[in-house]
């Protein structure tokens, strides 16, 4: 069950003009709670004028080795979002010695180390979870190879530049790095420009044997991830080998559908071993209904992106406004995002414990 603990900040490292990495110490009594798979994320919480603010940030540090009691530290990357309540606080106010409320790890954009060829296409801060994935993979699995294709605006805006360069130095035979800058010409390498579907369709077969890649990891803005998925599908890559995590969705690019809901509906919920049933208010998401009665319900972004509020639909039907977190096989198995779900039948039953 997701829970929050207060963790001390031990370092704040400036990565670029608009991003930092926060290092958090994990006390021995909480280390088991913060064991994480490479690629998972954390929700950070603060309260401002009585309003709770939660934001999700991917863990960029390697996953703890099997057999250990859990991580001694956690590191997350934070990029400034214009008007962002938490990112502004992180970049301008947090200093070493402060404390932050941190939810236990969540997310399914993960890779357990195994032999084989893997690849990632990332944009901007999408490097963050992939840094944990590739660092953990190459350190633990000598028969693994990884190709990282990253897109950034300029070299000065590129997060974790030194960390990625270090990987290239440590694993020159097993780590392939391809960098594309959209607003700056490079002295060597690929010409500048966006990594769209057309460009990736021509580029990927020239870089690596696309058909032999065991797993593709796409992370970044909605447009980049969507274009990369279409390029891969056009090259014959089956959907099961493509894993996606979206950091930002433009409302214009992904409009929210509108459909009628029952006049009177209720939701029955199982959460952390306890159940309850409550009426759903007009226009309210199922997550908001649950939170009015069970404030411990798991959530972070409320935008259909992070997947923290994933729950199993036991009975009834729901309408999901958006879904940028669940894989097709998860929705087919009956999972929904509570933050985006509205009742389509008078009675709905959810199980957060599955």
Protein backbone atom coordinates (compact mmCIF):
# COMPACT_ATOMS: atom_id res chain seq x y z
CA UNK A 1 0.00 0.00 0.00
CA UNK A 2 1.34 3.44 -0.92
CA UNK A 3 2.35 5.57 2.05
CA UNK A 4 4.29 8.77 2.73
CA UNK A 5 7.41 9.17 4.85
CA UNK A 6 9.37 12.34 5.57
CA UNK A 7 12.88 12.06 4.10
CA UNK A 8 15.79 14.49 4.58
CA UNK A 9 17.33 16.21 1.55
CA UNK A 10 21.09 15.64 1.56
CA UNK A 11 22.02 17.38 -1.71
CA UNK A 12 20.57 19.68 -4.36
CA UNK A 13 22.62 19.49 -7.57
CA UNK A 14 22.07 22.02 -10.34
CA UNK A 15 21.84 20.14 -13.66
CA UNK A 16 20.86 22.98 -16.00
CA UNK A 17 19.52 26.49 -15.61
CA UNK A 18 16.02 25.05 -15.14
CA UNK A 19 16.57 21.67 -13.48
CA UNK A 20 18.01 20.13 -10.34
CA UNK A 21 18.59 16.67 -8.87
CA UNK A 22 17.43 16.11 -5.30
CA UNK A 23 19.17 13.44 -3.22
CA UNK A 24 17.07 12.05 -0.37
CA UNK A 25 18.41 9.96 2.52
CA UNK A 26 16.39 6.87 3.44
CA UNK A 27 16.57 5.93 7.15
CA UNK A 28 17.09 2.21 7.87
CA UNK A 29 13.51 1.73 9.12
CA UNK A 30 12.08 2.89 5.76
CA UNK A 31 14.48 1.20 3.33
CA UNK A 32 12.27 -1.82 2.71
CA UNK A 33 9.40 0.55 1.82
CA UNK A 34 11.54 2.30 -0.80
CA UNK A 35 12.85 -0.74 -2.62
CA UNK A 36 12.17 0.04 -6.26
CA UNK A 37 12.51 -1.37 -9.73
CA UNK A 38 14.59 0.62 -12.24
CA UNK A 39 12.27 3.15 -13.89
CA UNK A 40 9.79 3.70 -11.05
CA UNK A 41 8.81 7.11 -9.69
CA UNK A 42 8.06 8.92 -6.43
CA UNK A 43 5.29 11.35 -5.56
CA UNK A 44 6.49 14.33 -3.52
CA UNK A 45 4.01 16.24 -1.38
CA UNK A 46 3.80 19.65 0.26
CA UNK A 47 0.95 21.75 1.65
CA UNK A 48 0.57 25.43 0.73
CA UNK A 49 -2.10 27.56 2.43
CA UNK A 50 -4.00 24.45 3.39
CA UNK A 51 -3.91 22.97 -0.13
CA UNK A 52 -2.07 19.72 -0.71
CA UNK A 53 0.21 19.61 -3.77
CA UNK A 54 1.58 16.36 -5.17
CA UNK A 55 3.98 15.95 -8.06
CA UNK A 56 5.57 12.83 -9.53
CA UNK A 57 9.29 12.58 -10.28
CA UNK A 58 11.16 9.57 -11.62
CA UNK A 59 13.99 7.98 -9.68
CA UNK A 60 17.23 8.41 -11.61
CA UNK A 61 19.51 6.47 -9.23
CA UNK A 62 20.15 2.73 -9.76
CA UNK A 63 17.76 0.23 -8.20
CA UNK A 64 19.02 -1.50 -5.03
CA UNK A 65 20.72 -4.83 -5.59
CA UNK A 66 18.82 -8.04 -4.76
CA UNK A 67 19.40 -9.20 -1.21
CA UNK A 68 19.97 -5.72 0.21
CA UNK A 69 17.68 -4.05 2.71
CA UNK A 70 16.78 -1.27 0.26
CA UNK A 71 18.25 2.02 -0.96
CA UNK A 72 20.22 4.26 1.39
CA UNK A 73 19.54 7.22 -0.89
CA UNK A 74 17.11 8.13 -3.66
CA UNK A 75 17.77 10.69 -6.38
CA UNK A 76 15.13 12.40 -8.53
CA UNK A 77 15.39 14.95 -11.32
CA UNK A 78 13.13 18.01 -11.27
CA UNK A 79 12.68 20.33 -14.26
CA UNK A 80 11.05 23.73 -13.83
CA UNK A 81 7.54 23.96 -15.25
CA UNK A 82 6.23 27.45 -15.93
CA UNK A 83 3.97 28.29 -13.01
CA UNK A 84 4.66 24.89 -11.43
CA UNK A 85 3.89 24.98 -7.72
CA UNK A 86 6.28 22.19 -6.78
CA UNK A 87 9.02 22.55 -9.39
CA UNK A 88 9.43 26.26 -8.56
CA UNK A 89 9.72 25.35 -4.88
CA UNK A 90 12.29 22.63 -5.66
CA UNK A 91 14.50 24.88 -7.78
CA UNK A 92 14.29 28.06 -5.75
CA UNK A 93 13.73 27.04 -2.14
CA UNK A 94 14.78 23.49 -1.25
CA UNK A 95 18.28 23.22 0.21
CA UNK A 96 20.29 20.42 1.81
CA UNK A 97 18.99 19.85 5.32
CA UNK A 98 15.33 20.36 4.40
CA UNK A 99 12.83 17.50 4.59
CA UNK A 100 10.31 16.36 1.99
CA UNK A 101 7.25 14.11 2.21
CA UNK A 102 7.79 11.24 -0.22
CA UNK A 103 5.41 8.47 -1.29
CA UNK A 104 6.72 4.95 -1.67
CA UNK A 105 7.73 3.99 -5.26
CA UNK A 106 5.15 3.29 -7.95
CA UNK A 107 5.00 2.83 -11.71
CA UNK A 108 5.31 0.08 -14.32
CA UNK A 109 7.71 1.74 -16.75
CA UNK A 110 10.37 -0.70 -15.62
CA UNK A 111 12.96 -3.21 -16.79
CA UNK A 112 14.28 -6.03 -14.65
CA UNK A 113 17.85 -6.73 -15.82
CA UNK A 114 18.11 -9.57 -18.34
CA UNK A 115 20.41 -10.41 -21.27
CA UNK A 116 19.60 -8.88 -24.63
CA UNK A 117 19.50 -5.67 -26.65
CA UNK A 118 17.38 -2.80 -25.33
CA UNK A 119 16.78 0.74 -26.54
CA UNK A 120 15.19 4.00 -25.42
CA UNK A 121 13.96 7.11 -27.19
CA UNK A 122 13.67 10.01 -24.76
CA UNK A 123 13.05 13.73 -24.85
CA UNK A 124 14.09 16.30 -22.25
CA UNK A 125 13.44 15.14 -18.70
CA UNK A 126 12.37 11.77 -20.11
CA UNK A 127 15.99 10.76 -19.51
CA UNK A 128 15.30 10.51 -15.77
CA UNK A 129 13.72 7.02 -15.43
CA UNK A 130 15.79 5.67 -18.33
CA UNK A 131 18.98 6.68 -16.52
CA UNK A 132 17.99 4.34 -13.67
CA UNK A 133 17.03 1.60 -16.13
CA UNK A 134 20.24 1.66 -18.17
CA UNK A 135 22.58 2.11 -15.18
CA UNK A 136 21.01 -0.83 -13.34
CA UNK A 137 20.90 -3.02 -16.44
CA UNK A 138 24.52 -2.58 -17.53
CA UNK A 139 25.87 -2.97 -13.99
CA UNK A 140 23.99 -6.18 -13.25
CA UNK A 141 23.78 -7.93 -16.61
CA UNK A 142 27.06 -8.38 -18.57
CA UNK A 143 25.20 -9.83 -21.57
CA UNK A 144 22.99 -6.76 -22.03
CA UNK A 145 23.39 -3.89 -24.49
CA UNK A 146 21.57 -0.55 -24.55
CA UNK A 147 21.05 2.11 -27.20
CA UNK A 148 19.94 5.52 -25.91
CA UNK A 149 18.51 8.00 -28.42
CA UNK A 150 17.89 11.30 -26.70
CA UNK A 151 16.46 14.59 -27.93
CA UNK A 152 17.04 17.95 -26.24
CA UNK A 153 16.74 21.58 -27.24
CA UNK A 154 20.41 22.50 -26.70
CA UNK A 155 23.45 20.99 -24.98
CA UNK A 156 23.04 23.52 -22.15
CA UNK A 157 19.47 22.29 -21.49
CA UNK A 158 20.45 18.60 -21.41
CA UNK A 159 19.85 16.96 -18.03
CA UNK A 160 22.30 14.40 -16.61
CA UNK A 161 24.90 15.12 -19.26
CA UNK A 162 27.81 13.97 -17.07
CA UNK A 163 26.03 10.84 -15.85
CA UNK A 164 25.30 9.68 -19.39
CA UNK A 165 28.86 10.48 -20.51
CA UNK A 166 30.13 8.36 -17.62
CA UNK A 167 28.04 5.42 -18.82
CA UNK A 168 29.59 5.76 -22.27
CA UNK A 169 33.07 5.68 -20.72
CA UNK A 170 32.33 2.71 -18.47
CA UNK A 171 30.56 0.55 -21.06
CA UNK A 172 31.97 1.57 -24.47
CA UNK A 173 31.12 -1.79 -26.07
CA UNK A 174 27.63 -2.14 -24.61
CA UNK A 175 26.24 1.39 -24.44
CA UNK A 176 25.40 3.33 -27.60
CA UNK A 177 24.47 7.02 -27.30
CA UNK A 178 22.82 9.07 -30.03
CA UNK A 179 22.05 12.72 -29.27
CA UNK A 180 19.83 15.00 -31.36
CA UNK A 181 19.51 18.71 -30.57
CA UNK A 182 16.45 20.48 -31.94
CA UNK A 183 17.75 24.05 -31.64
CA UNK A 184 21.52 23.75 -31.90
CA UNK A 185 23.90 22.35 -34.49
CA UNK A 186 26.47 19.80 -33.27
CA UNK A 187 30.05 19.64 -34.50
CA UNK A 188 29.64 15.88 -34.96
CA UNK A 189 26.72 13.48 -35.08
CA UNK A 190 23.22 13.96 -36.40
CA UNK A 191 21.96 17.27 -37.80
CA UNK A 192 19.62 19.33 -35.62
CA UNK A 193 15.86 18.99 -35.75
CA UNK A 194 12.96 17.24 -34.06
CA UNK A 195 12.75 13.46 -33.69
CA UNK A 196 9.40 12.92 -35.37
CA UNK A 197 7.88 9.76 -36.83
CA UNK A 198 9.34 10.25 -40.31
CA UNK A 199 12.84 10.90 -39.06
CA UNK A 200 12.83 7.96 -36.64
CA UNK A 201 11.53 5.62 -39.33
CA UNK A 202 14.65 6.27 -41.36
CA UNK A 203 17.07 6.59 -38.44
CA UNK A 204 16.34 3.55 -36.29
CA UNK A 205 17.21 0.77 -38.80
CA UNK A 206 20.52 2.53 -39.46
CA UNK A 207 21.43 2.51 -35.76
CA UNK A 208 20.59 -1.00 -34.59
CA UNK A 209 18.76 -4.22 -35.57
CA UNK A 210 15.24 -3.04 -34.76
CA UNK A 211 13.75 -6.54 -34.93
CA UNK A 212 16.15 -7.88 -32.28
CA UNK A 213 15.49 -5.27 -29.60
CA UNK A 214 13.84 -6.99 -26.62
CA UNK A 215 12.34 -3.82 -25.21
CA UNK A 216 11.82 -0.23 -26.35
CA UNK A 217 11.39 2.48 -23.70
CA UNK A 218 9.80 5.74 -24.85
CA UNK A 219 9.70 8.64 -22.41
CA UNK A 220 9.10 12.36 -22.75
CA UNK A 221 6.48 14.73 -24.15
CA UNK A 222 3.31 13.30 -25.69
CA UNK A 223 4.23 14.21 -29.28
CA UNK A 224 7.64 12.55 -29.14
CA UNK A 225 6.34 9.35 -27.57
CA UNK A 226 3.41 9.15 -29.99
CA UNK A 227 5.67 9.68 -33.01
CA UNK A 228 8.20 7.12 -31.77
CA UNK A 229 5.51 4.50 -31.19
CA UNK A 230 4.12 5.00 -34.69
CA UNK A 231 7.59 4.73 -36.19
CA UNK A 232 8.29 1.49 -34.33
CA UNK A 233 4.94 -0.02 -35.22
CA UNK A 234 5.57 0.91 -38.85
CA UNK A 235 8.90 -0.93 -38.64
CA UNK A 236 7.14 -4.08 -37.47
CA UNK A 237 7.76 -3.88 -33.72
CA UNK A 238 4.98 -5.61 -31.78
CA UNK A 239 3.18 -3.48 -29.20
CA UNK A 240 4.18 -5.75 -26.30
CA UNK A 241 7.82 -4.72 -26.75
CA UNK A 242 7.05 -0.99 -26.53
CA UNK A 243 6.87 0.66 -23.10
CA UNK A 244 5.81 4.27 -22.67
CA UNK A 245 5.82 6.99 -20.04
CA UNK A 246 4.61 10.49 -20.85
CA UNK A 247 5.79 13.52 -18.88
CA UNK A 248 3.57 16.18 -20.42
CA UNK A 249 0.34 16.13 -22.41
CA UNK A 250 -0.87 19.16 -24.30
CA UNK A 251 -4.63 19.52 -23.81
CA UNK A 252 -5.03 20.40 -27.48
CA UNK A 253 -3.20 17.24 -28.52
CA UNK A 254 -5.35 15.05 -26.31
CA UNK A 255 -8.83 16.51 -25.84
CA UNK A 256 -10.99 15.11 -23.06
CA UNK A 257 -14.13 13.38 -24.35
CA UNK A 258 -17.50 14.21 -22.85
CA UNK A 259 -20.25 11.65 -22.39
CA UNK A 260 -23.31 11.43 -20.13
CA UNK A 261 -23.17 9.67 -16.74
CA UNK A 262 -25.95 8.07 -14.70
CA UNK A 263 -28.02 10.53 -12.69
CA UNK A 264 -27.41 8.58 -9.48
CA UNK A 265 -24.39 6.37 -9.02
CA UNK A 266 -22.26 4.92 -6.23
CA UNK A 267 -18.83 3.36 -5.93
CA UNK A 268 -17.81 0.46 -3.70
CA UNK A 269 -14.10 0.32 -2.95
CA UNK A 270 -11.62 -2.06 -1.39
CA UNK A 271 -8.50 -0.22 -0.23
CA UNK A 272 -5.77 -1.51 2.08
CA UNK A 273 -7.96 -4.38 3.25
CA UNK A 274 -11.00 -2.23 4.10
CA UNK A 275 -14.15 -1.58 2.09
CA UNK A 276 -16.72 1.17 1.74
CA UNK A 277 -19.50 2.45 -0.52
CA UNK A 278 -20.25 6.10 -1.28
CA UNK A 279 -22.41 8.16 -3.69
CA UNK A 280 -20.62 9.83 -6.60
CA UNK A 281 -21.29 13.53 -6.96
CA UNK A 282 -22.21 14.99 -10.34
CA UNK A 283 -19.12 15.42 -12.52
CA UNK A 284 -16.81 13.93 -9.90
CA UNK A 285 -14.12 11.41 -10.77
CA UNK A 286 -14.15 8.14 -8.88
CA UNK A 287 -10.83 9.09 -7.27
CA UNK A 288 -12.31 12.30 -5.89
CA UNK A 289 -15.25 10.34 -4.49
CA UNK A 290 -12.88 7.95 -2.75
CA UNK A 291 -10.65 10.76 -1.43
CA UNK A 292 -13.62 12.47 0.23
CA UNK A 293 -14.03 9.33 2.33
CA UNK A 294 -10.59 7.73 2.28
CA UNK A 295 -7.82 10.38 2.13
CA UNK A 296 -5.23 7.57 2.05
CA UNK A 297 -6.19 6.58 -1.52
CA UNK A 298 -3.09 6.57 -3.76
CA UNK A 299 -2.71 9.32 -6.37
CA UNK A 300 -0.17 11.82 -7.63
CA UNK A 301 -0.73 13.70 -10.91
CA UNK A 302 -4.54 13.42 -11.38
CA UNK A 303 -3.85 13.84 -15.10
CA UNK A 304 -3.92 10.24 -16.28
CA UNK A 305 -0.14 10.21 -16.74
CA UNK A 306 1.59 8.68 -13.70
CA UNK A 307 -0.60 5.62 -13.07
CA UNK A 308 -0.39 5.90 -9.26
CA UNK A 309 -4.19 5.62 -8.90
CA UNK A 310 -4.46 2.41 -10.96
CA UNK A 311 -7.29 0.20 -9.68
CA UNK A 312 -9.10 -2.95 -10.76
CA UNK A 313 -12.66 -2.61 -12.05
CA UNK A 314 -14.51 -5.44 -10.27
CA UNK A 315 -18.05 -4.61 -11.41
CA UNK A 316 -19.93 -2.00 -13.42
CA UNK A 317 -18.64 0.18 -16.23
CA UNK A 318 -16.64 3.40 -16.27
CA UNK A 319 -15.66 6.06 -18.79
CA UNK A 320 -12.00 7.08 -18.72
CA UNK A 321 -11.34 10.62 -19.94
CA UNK A 322 -7.66 9.98 -20.63
CA UNK A 323 -5.15 7.19 -20.28
CA UNK A 324 -1.45 7.80 -20.78
CA UNK A 325 -0.26 5.42 -18.05
CA UNK A 326 -1.79 1.97 -18.56
CA UNK A 327 -0.54 -0.46 -21.17
CA UNK A 328 -3.18 -2.04 -23.47
CA UNK A 329 -2.84 -5.39 -21.72
CA UNK A 330 -3.63 -3.70 -18.38
CA UNK A 331 -6.84 -2.11 -19.61
CA UNK A 332 -7.82 -5.40 -21.28
CA UNK A 333 -7.26 -7.14 -17.92
CA UNK A 334 -9.70 -4.72 -16.25
CA UNK A 335 -7.51 -1.98 -14.78
CA UNK A 336 -8.53 1.68 -14.92
CA UNK A 337 -7.19 5.03 -13.68
CA UNK A 338 -9.41 6.23 -10.83
CA UNK A 339 -8.50 9.88 -11.46
CA UNK A 340 -9.86 9.71 -15.01
CA UNK A 341 -12.79 7.37 -14.42
CA UNK A 342 -16.45 8.36 -14.20
CA UNK A 343 -19.32 5.92 -13.62
CA UNK A 344 -21.13 4.70 -16.72
CA UNK A 345 -23.45 2.49 -14.65
CA UNK A 346 -25.32 3.21 -11.44
CA UNK A 347 -23.03 0.93 -9.42
CA UNK A 348 -19.27 0.59 -9.79
CA UNK A 349 -16.90 -1.55 -7.72
CA UNK A 350 -13.13 -0.92 -7.54
CA UNK A 351 -10.30 -2.84 -5.88
CA UNK A 352 -7.11 -0.87 -5.18
CA UNK A 353 -5.49 -3.91 -3.52
CA UNK A 354 -5.16 -6.04 -6.67
